[in-house]
Amino acid sequence: MAKIEGQYNSGERVVVLDDLTTTGSSKFEIIETLTQEGLHVEDIVVLIDRESGANEKLINAGFRLHAVFTLSNLVALLHAQGLVTVEQRQAVEQFIHQSKAE
């Protein structure tokens, strides 16, 4: 179970902040811990959404996911800057497509 650090009061509204999300299962664990402490969660903010189903699952549960980048946006940006090859970009896009199908 996730550990909550810092000071808070029951009834406060909080935002979950994390580095990335894949399927969303760890976000639900965090939300459960926060809710058990009386905290109210509506929004989750991540740096990268790996586009493996988390957004859809969180929306269906009544939460909003905010990602600085999706994995496809990030790889497109890196490709545009010449930092990844066409082959690397295609491999990532194939990974995203396959992970959505699972």
PDB file of N, CA and C in Angstrom:
ATOM      1  N   MET A   1       0.843  -1.176   0.000  1.00  0.00           N
ATOM      2  CA  MET A   1       0.000   0.000   0.000  1.00  0.00           C
ATOM      3  C   MET A   1       0.891   1.243   0.000  1.00  0.00           C
ATOM      4  N   ALA A   2       0.460   2.266  -0.721  1.00  0.00           N
ATOM      5  CA  ALA A   2       1.228   3.505  -0.827  1.00  0.00           C
ATOM      6  C   ALA A   2       1.273   4.240   0.508  1.00  0.00           C
ATOM      7  N   LYS A   3       2.363   4.934   0.729  1.00  0.00           N
ATOM      8  CA  LYS A   3       2.536   5.713   1.948  1.00  0.00           C
ATOM      9  C   LYS A   3       2.326   7.188   1.613  1.00  0.00           C
ATOM     10  N   ILE A   4       1.571   7.870   2.466  1.00  0.00           N
ATOM     11  CA  ILE A   4       1.335   9.299   2.289  1.00  0.00           C
ATOM     12  C   ILE A   4       2.332  10.049   3.150  1.00  0.00           C
ATOM     13  N   GLU A   5       3.032  10.985   2.531  1.00  0.00           N
ATOM     14  CA  GLU A   5       4.000  11.792   3.269  1.00  0.00           C
ATOM     15  C   GLU A   5       3.506  13.229   3.337  1.00  0.00           C
ATOM     16  N   GLY A   6       3.901  13.917   4.398  1.00  0.00           N
ATOM     17  CA  GLY A   6       3.527  15.319   4.552  1.00  0.00           C
ATOM     18  C   GLY A   6       2.295  15.485   5.412  1.00  0.00           C
ATOM     19  N   GLN A   7       1.905  16.736   5.587  1.00  0.00           N
ATOM     20  CA  GLN A   7       0.752  17.054   6.427  1.00  0.00           C
ATOM     21  C   GLN A   7      -0.487  17.235   5.562  1.00  0.00           C
ATOM     22  N   TYR A   8      -1.593  16.745   6.068  1.00  0.00           N
ATOM     23  CA  TYR A   8      -2.856  16.877   5.360  1.00  0.00           C
ATOM     24  C   TYR A   8      -3.983  16.769   6.371  1.00  0.00           C
ATOM     25  N   ASN A   9      -5.152  17.224   5.961  1.00  0.00           N
ATOM     26  CA  ASN A   9      -6.352  17.125   6.782  1.00  0.00           C
ATOM     27  C   ASN A   9      -7.411  16.356   6.008  1.00  0.00           C
ATOM     28  N   SER A  10      -8.117  15.486   6.696  1.00  0.00           N
ATOM     29  CA  SER A  10      -9.203  14.746   6.081  1.00  0.00           C
ATOM     30  C   SER A  10     -10.160  15.734   5.426  1.00  0.00           C
ATOM     31  N   GLY A  11     -10.637  15.393   4.237  1.00  0.00           N
ATOM     32  CA  GLY A  11     -11.562  16.254   3.514  1.00  0.00           C
ATOM     33  C   GLY A  11     -10.890  17.133   2.471  1.00  0.00           C
ATOM     34  N   GLU A  12      -9.567  17.210   2.511  1.00  0.00           N
ATOM     35  CA  GLU A  12      -8.864  18.038   1.536  1.00  0.00           C
ATOM     36  C   GLU A  12      -8.879  17.386   0.156  1.00  0.00           C
ATOM     37  N   ARG A  13      -8.828  18.237  -0.859  1.00  0.00           N
ATOM     38  CA  ARG A  13      -8.732  17.774  -2.240  1.00  0.00           C
ATOM     39  C   ARG A  13      -7.254  17.697  -2.602  1.00  0.00           C
ATOM     40  N   VAL A  14      -6.837  16.572  -3.190  1.00  0.00           N
ATOM     41  CA  VAL A  14      -5.434  16.379  -3.548  1.00  0.00           C
ATOM     42  C   VAL A  14      -5.316  15.954  -5.013  1.00  0.00           C
ATOM     43  N   VAL A  15      -4.133  16.172  -5.563  1.00  0.00           N
ATOM     44  CA  VAL A  15      -3.805  15.743  -6.917  1.00  0.00           C
ATOM     45  C   VAL A  15      -2.714  14.686  -6.806  1.00  0.00           C
ATOM     46  N   VAL A  16      -2.879  13.584  -7.502  1.00  0.00           N
ATOM     47  CA  VAL A  16      -1.849  12.552  -7.553  1.00  0.00           C
ATOM     48  C   VAL A  16      -0.848  12.967  -8.625  1.00  0.00           C
ATOM     49  N   LEU A  17       0.431  12.992  -8.271  1.00  0.00           N
ATOM     50  CA  LEU A  17       1.500  13.368  -9.194  1.00  0.00           C
ATOM     51  C   LEU A  17       2.486  12.211  -9.288  1.00  0.00           C
ATOM     52  N   ASP A  18       2.749  11.744 -10.518  1.00  0.00           N
ATOM     53  CA  ASP A  18       3.628  10.588 -10.700  1.00  0.00           C
ATOM     54  C   ASP A  18       4.407  10.744 -12.000  1.00  0.00           C
ATOM     55  N   ASP A  19       5.424   9.899 -12.174  1.00  0.00           N
ATOM     56  CA  ASP A  19       6.265  10.016 -13.364  1.00  0.00           C
ATOM     57  C   ASP A  19       5.580   9.494 -14.622  1.00  0.00           C
ATOM     58  N   LEU A  20       4.917   8.346 -14.534  1.00  0.00           N
ATOM     59  CA  LEU A  20       4.260   7.801 -15.719  1.00  0.00           C
ATOM     60  C   LEU A  20       3.114   6.899 -15.319  1.00  0.00           C
ATOM     61  N   THR A  21       2.318   6.553 -16.319  1.00  0.00           N
ATOM     62  CA  THR A  21       1.244   5.599 -16.102  1.00  0.00           C
ATOM     63  C   THR A  21       1.202   4.638 -17.277  1.00  0.00           C
ATOM     64  N   THR A  22       0.857   3.400 -16.968  1.00  0.00           N
ATOM     65  CA  THR A  22       0.766   2.368 -17.998  1.00  0.00           C
ATOM     66  C   THR A  22      -0.671   1.860 -18.030  1.00  0.00           C
ATOM     67  N   THR A  23      -1.016   0.965 -17.131  1.00  0.00           N
ATOM     68  CA  THR A  23      -2.378   0.418 -17.092  1.00  0.00           C
ATOM     69  C   THR A  23      -3.266   1.139 -16.086  1.00  0.00           C
ATOM     70  N   GLY A  24      -2.659   1.896 -15.188  1.00  0.00           N
ATOM     71  CA  GLY A  24      -3.415   2.626 -14.179  1.00  0.00           C
ATOM     72  C   GLY A  24      -3.557   1.909 -12.857  1.00  0.00           C
ATOM     73  N   SER A  25      -3.133   0.656 -12.766  1.00  0.00           N
ATOM     74  CA  SER A  25      -3.359  -0.106 -11.533  1.00  0.00           C
ATOM     75  C   SER A  25      -2.678   0.535 -10.324  1.00  0.00           C
ATOM     76  N   SER A  26      -1.470   1.041 -10.489  1.00  0.00           N
ATOM     77  CA  SER A  26      -0.802   1.676  -9.341  1.00  0.00           C
ATOM     78  C   SER A  26      -1.479   2.984  -8.956  1.00  0.00           C
ATOM     79  N   LYS A  27      -2.106   3.659  -9.920  1.00  0.00           N
ATOM     80  CA  LYS A  27      -2.826   4.897  -9.599  1.00  0.00           C
ATOM     81  C   LYS A  27      -4.056   4.579  -8.751  1.00  0.00           C
ATOM     82  N   PHE A  28      -4.724   3.472  -9.060  1.00  0.00           N
ATOM     83  CA  PHE A  28      -5.879   3.082  -8.262  1.00  0.00           C
ATOM     84  C   PHE A  28      -5.467   2.710  -6.837  1.00  0.00           C
ATOM     85  N   GLU A  29      -4.303   2.106  -6.675  1.00  0.00           N
ATOM     86  CA  GLU A  29      -3.805   1.802  -5.327  1.00  0.00           C
ATOM     87  C   GLU A  29      -3.558   3.091  -4.547  1.00  0.00           C
ATOM     88  N   ILE A  30      -2.953   4.066  -5.195  1.00  0.00           N
ATOM     89  CA  ILE A  30      -2.690   5.358  -4.549  1.00  0.00           C
ATOM     90  C   ILE A  30      -4.003   6.039  -4.186  1.00  0.00           C
ATOM     91  N   ILE A  31      -4.941   6.046  -5.122  1.00  0.00           N
ATOM     92  CA  ILE A  31      -6.239   6.683  -4.883  1.00  0.00           C
ATOM     93  C   ILE A  31      -6.942   6.019  -3.705  1.00  0.00           C
ATOM     94  N   GLU A  32      -6.879   4.695  -3.626  1.00  0.00           N
ATOM     95  CA  GLU A  32      -7.505   3.974  -2.512  1.00  0.00           C
ATOM     96  C   GLU A  32      -6.894   4.399  -1.175  1.00  0.00           C
ATOM     97  N   THR A  33      -5.577   4.490  -1.125  1.00  0.00           N
ATOM     98  CA  THR A  33      -4.898   4.907   0.108  1.00  0.00           C
ATOM     99  C   THR A  33      -5.310   6.317   0.503  1.00  0.00           C
ATOM    100  N   LEU A  34      -5.330   7.223  -0.454  1.00  0.00           N
ATOM    101  CA  LEU A  34      -5.704   8.612  -0.167  1.00  0.00           C
ATOM    102  C   LEU A  34      -7.159   8.704   0.291  1.00  0.00           C
ATOM    103  N   THR A  35      -8.029   7.969  -0.374  1.00  0.00           N
ATOM    104  CA  THR A  35      -9.448   7.977  -0.022  1.00  0.00           C
ATOM    105  C   THR A  35      -9.674   7.424   1.382  1.00  0.00           C
ATOM    106  N   GLN A  36      -8.942   6.388   1.749  1.00  0.00           N
ATOM    107  CA  GLN A  36      -9.062   5.819   3.093  1.00  0.00           C
ATOM    108  C   GLN A  36      -8.654   6.823   4.169  1.00  0.00           C
ATOM    109  N   GLU A  37      -7.815   7.771   3.803  1.00  0.00           N
ATOM    110  CA  GLU A  37      -7.403   8.822   4.740  1.00  0.00           C
ATOM    111  C   GLU A  37      -8.335  10.028   4.695  1.00  0.00           C
ATOM    112  N   GLY A  38      -9.425   9.909   3.925  1.00  0.00           N
ATOM    113  CA  GLY A  38     -10.408  10.981   3.858  1.00  0.00           C
ATOM    114  C   GLY A  38     -10.078  12.071   2.856  1.00  0.00           C
ATOM    115  N   LEU A  39      -9.129  11.822   1.986  1.00  0.00           N
ATOM    116  CA  LEU A  39      -8.742  12.813   0.984  1.00  0.00           C
ATOM    117  C   LEU A  39      -9.534  12.592  -0.299  1.00  0.00           C
ATOM    118  N   HIS A  40      -9.788  13.687  -1.014  1.00  0.00           N
ATOM    119  CA  HIS A  40     -10.615  13.646  -2.217  1.00  0.00           C
ATOM    120  C   HIS A  40      -9.722  13.777  -3.453  1.00  0.00           C
ATOM    121  N   VAL A  41      -9.786  12.791  -4.357  1.00  0.00           N
ATOM    122  CA  VAL A  41      -8.974  12.778  -5.576  1.00  0.00           C
ATOM    123  C   VAL A  41      -9.886  12.856  -6.795  1.00  0.00           C
ATOM    124  N   GLU A  42      -9.582  13.773  -7.705  1.00  0.00           N
ATOM    125  CA  GLU A  42     -10.269  13.848  -8.993  1.00  0.00           C
ATOM    126  C   GLU A  42      -9.285  13.786 -10.155  1.00  0.00           C
ATOM    127  N   ASP A  43      -8.050  14.271  -9.910  1.00  0.00           N
ATOM    128  CA  ASP A  43      -7.086  14.430 -10.991  1.00  0.00           C
ATOM    129  C   ASP A  43      -5.774  13.713 -10.698  1.00  0.00           C
ATOM    130  N   ILE A  44      -5.217  13.142 -11.757  1.00  0.00           N
ATOM    131  CA  ILE A  44      -3.910  12.491 -11.699  1.00  0.00           C
ATOM    132  C   ILE A  44      -3.055  13.154 -12.769  1.00  0.00           C
ATOM    133  N   VAL A  45      -1.854  13.601 -12.400  1.00  0.00           N
ATOM    134  CA  VAL A  45      -0.936  14.247 -13.334  1.00  0.00           C
ATOM    135  C   VAL A  45       0.309  13.380 -13.463  1.00  0.00           C
ATOM    136  N   VAL A  46       0.685  13.080 -14.707  1.00  0.00           N
ATOM    137  CA  VAL A  46       1.890  12.291 -14.966  1.00  0.00           C
ATOM    138  C   VAL A  46       2.726  12.983 -16.035  1.00  0.00           C
ATOM    139  N   LEU A  47       4.004  12.675 -16.047  1.00  0.00           N
ATOM    140  CA  LEU A  47       4.868  13.183 -17.103  1.00  0.00           C
ATOM    141  C   LEU A  47       4.566  12.452 -18.414  1.00  0.00           C
ATOM    142  N   ILE A  48       4.465  11.115 -18.355  1.00  0.00           N
ATOM    143  CA  ILE A  48       4.256  10.326 -19.574  1.00  0.00           C
ATOM    144  C   ILE A  48       3.112   9.325 -19.387  1.00  0.00           C
ATOM    145  N   ASP A  49       2.176   9.341 -20.333  1.00  0.00           N
ATOM    146  CA  ASP A  49       1.139   8.310 -20.423  1.00  0.00           C
ATOM    147  C   ASP A  49       1.600   7.329 -21.495  1.00  0.00           C
ATOM    148  N   ARG A  50       1.863   6.102 -21.099  1.00  0.00           N
ATOM    149  CA  ARG A  50       2.362   5.088 -22.038  1.00  0.00           C
ATOM    150  C   ARG A  50       1.267   4.558 -22.964  1.00  0.00           C
ATOM    151  N   GLU A  51       0.048   5.077 -22.810  1.00  0.00           N
ATOM    152  CA  GLU A  51      -1.073   4.740 -23.699  1.00  0.00           C
ATOM    153  C   GLU A  51      -1.397   3.248 -23.690  1.00  0.00           C
ATOM    154  N   SER A  52      -1.391   2.675 -22.501  1.00  0.00           N
ATOM    155  CA  SER A  52      -1.696   1.246 -22.357  1.00  0.00           C
ATOM    156  C   SER A  52      -2.984   1.007 -21.587  1.00  0.00           C
ATOM    157  N   GLY A  53      -3.890   1.970 -21.637  1.00  0.00           N
ATOM    158  CA  GLY A  53      -5.207   1.776 -21.051  1.00  0.00           C
ATOM    159  C   GLY A  53      -5.517   2.554 -19.790  1.00  0.00           C
ATOM    160  N   ALA A  54      -4.534   3.193 -19.190  1.00  0.00           N
ATOM    161  CA  ALA A  54      -4.772   3.903 -17.930  1.00  0.00           C
ATOM    162  C   ALA A  54      -5.800   5.016 -18.083  1.00  0.00           C
ATOM    163  N   ASN A  55      -5.680   5.812 -19.141  1.00  0.00           N
ATOM    164  CA  ASN A  55      -6.589   6.941 -19.307  1.00  0.00           C
ATOM    165  C   ASN A  55      -8.040   6.481 -19.353  1.00  0.00           C
ATOM    166  N   GLU A  56      -8.314   5.467 -20.143  1.00  0.00           N
ATOM    167  CA  GLU A  56      -9.679   4.962 -20.268  1.00  0.00           C
ATOM    168  C   GLU A  56     -10.192   4.411 -18.940  1.00  0.00           C
ATOM    169  N   LYS A  57      -9.359   3.653 -18.240  1.00  0.00           N
ATOM    170  CA  LYS A  57      -9.780   3.080 -16.953  1.00  0.00           C
ATOM    171  C   LYS A  57     -10.048   4.171 -15.925  1.00  0.00           C
ATOM    172  N   LEU A  58      -9.192   5.180 -15.891  1.00  0.00           N
ATOM    173  CA  LEU A  58      -9.379   6.263 -14.924  1.00  0.00           C
ATOM    174  C   LEU A  58     -10.625   7.077 -15.245  1.00  0.00           C
ATOM    175  N   ILE A  59     -10.851   7.374 -16.523  1.00  0.00           N
ATOM    176  CA  ILE A  59     -12.059   8.102 -16.925  1.00  0.00           C
ATOM    177  C   ILE A  59     -13.302   7.314 -16.524  1.00  0.00           C
ATOM    178  N   ASN A  60     -13.311   6.011 -16.803  1.00  0.00           N
ATOM    179  CA  ASN A  60     -14.466   5.172 -16.461  1.00  0.00           C
ATOM    180  C   ASN A  60     -14.735   5.141 -14.964  1.00  0.00           C
ATOM    181  N   ALA A  61     -13.694   5.375 -14.164  1.00  0.00           N
ATOM    182  CA  ALA A  61     -13.846   5.393 -12.705  1.00  0.00           C
ATOM    183  C   ALA A  61     -14.120   6.803 -12.172  1.00  0.00           C
ATOM    184  N   GLY A  62     -14.212   7.797 -13.078  1.00  0.00           N
ATOM    185  CA  GLY A  62     -14.556   9.153 -12.656  1.00  0.00           C
ATOM    186  C   GLY A  62     -13.372  10.065 -12.371  1.00  0.00           C
ATOM    187  N   PHE A  63     -12.189   9.689 -12.819  1.00  0.00           N
ATOM    188  CA  PHE A  63     -10.991  10.507 -12.601  1.00  0.00           C
ATOM    189  C   PHE A  63     -10.522  11.110 -13.918  1.00  0.00           C
ATOM    190  N   ARG A  64      -9.700  12.157 -13.808  1.00  0.00           N
ATOM    191  CA  ARG A  64      -9.116  12.798 -14.983  1.00  0.00           C
ATOM    192  C   ARG A  64      -7.604  12.599 -14.962  1.00  0.00           C
ATOM    193  N   LEU A  65      -7.071  12.113 -16.082  1.00  0.00           N
ATOM    194  CA  LEU A  65      -5.628  11.938 -16.223  1.00  0.00           C
ATOM    195  C   LEU A  65      -5.090  13.074 -17.080  1.00  0.00           C
ATOM    196  N   HIS A  66      -4.062  13.744 -16.578  1.00  0.00           N
ATOM    197  CA  HIS A  66      -3.394  14.819 -17.311  1.00  0.00           C
ATOM    198  C   HIS A  66      -1.948  14.382 -17.523  1.00  0.00           C
ATOM    199  N   ALA A  67      -1.543  14.256 -18.782  1.00  0.00           N
ATOM    200  CA  ALA A  67      -0.176  13.836 -19.097  1.00  0.00           C
ATOM    201  C   ALA A  67       0.543  14.969 -19.820  1.00  0.00           C
ATOM    202  N   VAL A  68       1.776  15.240 -19.410  1.00  0.00           N
ATOM    203  CA  VAL A  68       2.583  16.220 -20.128  1.00  0.00           C
ATOM    204  C   VAL A  68       2.825  15.701 -21.547  1.00  0.00           C
ATOM    205  N   PHE A  69       3.128  14.416 -21.662  1.00  0.00           N
ATOM    206  CA  PHE A  69       3.331  13.768 -22.956  1.00  0.00           C
ATOM    207  C   PHE A  69       2.607  12.433 -22.973  1.00  0.00           C
ATOM    208  N   THR A  70       2.098  12.054 -24.145  1.00  0.00           N
ATOM    209  CA  THR A  70       1.789  10.653 -24.375  1.00  0.00           C
ATOM    210  C   THR A  70       3.055  10.065 -24.982  1.00  0.00           C
ATOM    211  N   LEU A  71       3.194   8.768 -24.911  1.00  0.00           N
ATOM    212  CA  LEU A  71       4.384   8.136 -25.476  1.00  0.00           C
ATOM    213  C   LEU A  71       4.486   8.417 -26.973  1.00  0.00           C
ATOM    214  N   SER A  72       3.360   8.380 -27.681  1.00  0.00           N
ATOM    215  CA  SER A  72       3.396   8.650 -29.122  1.00  0.00           C
ATOM    216  C   SER A  72       3.781  10.095 -29.409  1.00  0.00           C
ATOM    217  N   ASN A  73       3.289  11.052 -28.609  1.00  0.00           N
ATOM    218  CA  ASN A  73       3.694  12.455 -28.782  1.00  0.00           C
ATOM    219  C   ASN A  73       5.177  12.636 -28.521  1.00  0.00           C
ATOM    220  N   LEU A  74       5.669  11.983 -27.485  1.00  0.00           N
ATOM    221  CA  LEU A  74       7.075  12.119 -27.118  1.00  0.00           C
ATOM    222  C   LEU A  74       7.985  11.559 -28.204  1.00  0.00           C
ATOM    223  N   VAL A  75       7.665  10.383 -28.721  1.00  0.00           N
ATOM    224  CA  VAL A  75       8.518   9.797 -29.757  1.00  0.00           C
ATOM    225  C   VAL A  75       8.426  10.604 -31.053  1.00  0.00           C
ATOM    226  N   ALA A  76       7.267  11.178 -31.355  1.00  0.00           N
ATOM    227  CA  ALA A  76       7.139  12.032 -32.544  1.00  0.00           C
ATOM    228  C   ALA A  76       8.002  13.285 -32.399  1.00  0.00           C
ATOM    229  N   LEU A  77       7.999  13.868 -31.217  1.00  0.00           N
ATOM    230  CA  LEU A  77       8.833  15.041 -30.951  1.00  0.00           C
ATOM    231  C   LEU A  77      10.315  14.698 -31.084  1.00  0.00           C
ATOM    232  N   LEU A  78      10.713  13.578 -30.506  1.00  0.00           N
ATOM    233  CA  LEU A  78      12.109  13.150 -30.598  1.00  0.00           C
ATOM    234  C   LEU A  78      12.505  12.847 -32.044  1.00  0.00           C
ATOM    235  N   HIS A  79      11.585  12.267 -32.801  1.00  0.00           N
ATOM    236  CA  HIS A  79      11.856  11.991 -34.214  1.00  0.00           C
ATOM    237  C   HIS A  79      12.002  13.298 -34.991  1.00  0.00           C
ATOM    238  N   ALA A  80      11.128  14.250 -34.740  1.00  0.00           N
ATOM    239  CA  ALA A  80      11.201  15.545 -35.428  1.00  0.00           C
ATOM    240  C   ALA A  80      12.515  16.266 -35.142  1.00  0.00           C
ATOM    241  N   GLN A  81      13.071  16.027 -33.976  1.00  0.00           N
ATOM    242  CA  GLN A  81      14.344  16.644 -33.601  1.00  0.00           C
ATOM    243  C   GLN A  81      15.545  15.826 -34.083  1.00  0.00           C
ATOM    244  N   GLY A  82      15.289  14.709 -34.744  1.00  0.00           N
ATOM    245  CA  GLY A  82      16.361  13.864 -35.246  1.00  0.00           C
ATOM    246  C   GLY A  82      17.028  13.012 -34.182  1.00  0.00           C
ATOM    247  N   LEU A  83      16.347  12.824 -33.062  1.00  0.00           N
ATOM    248  CA  LEU A  83      16.931  12.074 -31.952  1.00  0.00           C
ATOM    249  C   LEU A  83      16.556  10.599 -31.948  1.00  0.00           C
ATOM    250  N   VAL A  84      15.545  10.227 -32.717  1.00  0.00           N
ATOM    251  CA  VAL A  84      15.219   8.819 -32.923  1.00  0.00           C
ATOM    252  C   VAL A  84      15.009   8.600 -34.419  1.00  0.00           C
ATOM    253  N   THR A  85      15.298   7.403 -34.872  1.00  0.00           N
ATOM    254  CA  THR A  85      15.150   7.065 -36.288  1.00  0.00           C
ATOM    255  C   THR A  85      13.698   6.722 -36.609  1.00  0.00           C
ATOM    256  N   VAL A  86      13.417   6.640 -37.900  1.00  0.00           N
ATOM    257  CA  VAL A  86      12.092   6.211 -38.340  1.00  0.00           C
ATOM    258  C   VAL A  86      11.797   4.817 -37.798  1.00  0.00           C
ATOM    259  N   GLU A  87      12.787   3.950 -37.834  1.00  0.00           N
ATOM    260  CA  GLU A  87      12.603   2.576 -37.351  1.00  0.00           C
ATOM    261  C   GLU A  87      12.283   2.545 -35.857  1.00  0.00           C
ATOM    262  N   GLN A  88      12.977   3.372 -35.087  1.00  0.00           N
ATOM    263  CA  GLN A  88      12.709   3.437 -33.647  1.00  0.00           C
ATOM    264  C   GLN A  88      11.302   3.973 -33.389  1.00  0.00           C
ATOM    265  N   ARG A  89      10.918   4.996 -34.135  1.00  0.00           N
ATOM    266  CA  ARG A  89       9.574   5.562 -33.968  1.00  0.00           C
ATOM    267  C   ARG A  89       8.522   4.509 -34.299  1.00  0.00           C
ATOM    268  N   GLN A  90       8.721   3.785 -35.398  1.00  0.00           N
ATOM    269  CA  GLN A  90       7.766   2.746 -35.788  1.00  0.00           C
ATOM    270  C   GLN A  90       7.692   1.630 -34.753  1.00  0.00           C
ATOM    271  N   ALA A  91       8.822   1.279 -34.166  1.00  0.00           N
ATOM    272  CA  ALA A  91       8.838   0.242 -33.128  1.00  0.00           C
ATOM    273  C   ALA A  91       8.029   0.681 -31.910  1.00  0.00           C
ATOM    274  N   VAL A  92       8.169   1.935 -31.526  1.00  0.00           N
ATOM    275  CA  VAL A  92       7.402   2.452 -30.386  1.00  0.00           C
ATOM    276  C   VAL A  92       5.922   2.484 -30.730  1.00  0.00           C
ATOM    277  N   GLU A  93       5.584   2.938 -31.928  1.00  0.00           N
ATOM    278  CA  GLU A  93       4.181   2.975 -32.342  1.00  0.00           C
ATOM    279  C   GLU A  93       3.574   1.573 -32.369  1.00  0.00           C
ATOM    280  N   GLN A  94       4.356   0.587 -32.809  1.00  0.00           N
ATOM    281  CA  GLN A  94       3.882  -0.802 -32.801  1.00  0.00           C
ATOM    282  C   GLN A  94       3.667  -1.284 -31.366  1.00  0.00           C
ATOM    283  N   PHE A  95       4.590  -0.944 -30.471  1.00  0.00           N
ATOM    284  CA  PHE A  95       4.445  -1.303 -29.058  1.00  0.00           C
ATOM    285  C   PHE A  95       3.157  -0.706 -28.482  1.00  0.00           C
ATOM    286  N   ILE A  96       2.910   0.565 -28.778  1.00  0.00           N
ATOM    287  CA  ILE A  96       1.698   1.225 -28.274  1.00  0.00           C
ATOM    288  C   ILE A  96       0.462   0.512 -28.804  1.00  0.00           C
ATOM    289  N   HIS A  97       0.442   0.225 -30.083  1.00  0.00           N
ATOM    290  CA  HIS A  97      -0.704  -0.449 -30.692  1.00  0.00           C
ATOM    291  C   HIS A  97      -0.935  -1.823 -30.062  1.00  0.00           C
ATOM    292  N   GLN A  98       0.134  -2.575 -29.859  1.00  0.00           N
ATOM    293  CA  GLN A  98       0.016  -3.910 -29.260  1.00  0.00           C
ATOM    294  C   GLN A  98      -0.442  -3.835 -27.808  1.00  0.00           C
ATOM    295  N   SER A  99       0.050  -2.854 -27.073  1.00  0.00           N
ATOM    296  CA  SER A  99      -0.332  -2.758 -25.660  1.00  0.00           C
ATOM    297  C   SER A  99      -1.784  -2.335 -25.507  1.00  0.00           C
ATOM    298  N   LYS A 100      -2.319  -1.581 -26.473  1.00  0.00           N
ATOM    299  CA  LYS A 100      -3.737  -1.213 -26.430  1.00  0.00           C
ATOM    300  C   LYS A 100      -4.623  -2.413 -26.718  1.00  0.00           C
ATOM    301  N   ALA A 101      -4.125  -3.327 -27.540  1.00  0.00           N
ATOM    302  CA  ALA A 101      -4.906  -4.504 -27.923  1.00  0.00           C
ATOM    303  C   ALA A 101      -4.998  -5.534 -26.809  1.00  0.00           C
ATOM    304  N   GLU A 102      -4.077  -5.478 -25.853  1.00  0.00           N
ATOM    305  CA  GLU A 102      -4.043  -6.494 -24.787  1.00  0.00           C
ATOM    306  C   GLU A 102      -5.075  -6.266 -23.747  1.00  0.00           C
TER     307      GLU A 102
END
